[in-house]
Amino acid sequence: MKALIVESNVELGRLWKKHLLRQNIHARLCGGQTEAVALLQEEEFQILVIDLVLNEGSALAIADFASYRQPDARVIFVTNTTFFSDGSIFQHSPNACAFLQTDAPPEDLAVMVAHYGGVSAPN
């Protein structure tokens, strides 16, 4: 399984990627919309982890492009704000499957990526 992480904070993105690798999930990391769209055109991903607050581009635009280009790919949105905390993100993005705070334990994010991406838990 392959995951695409879109996170402007490189250190945080690397931390998430490291935890995904521990779950045997191949992950690509990019920092914004331009690179994410390019990767979605070149590679197939089962799941995306997208920070709602990016330095470059729009998280919702990335999710929208993914739903067009890779309709089976699911999206886990993360944020450090209270915006969309009412669950309305699921109305704006049909491929959204989960919503987490950025400071959630990376182990929890990795388990959610494995679950929603279709990977069985390691023994």
Foldseek 3Di string as FASTA:
>chain_A
DEEEEAAQPVVLQVVLCVLLVVQVYHYDYDHEDVVLLVCLVPDDHQEYEYEQDGPYYGRLVSLVSCCVSPVNHAYEYEYQDCVCVVVCVCVSHVRYDYYYYSPDPSNVVSVVCCVSSPHDGDD
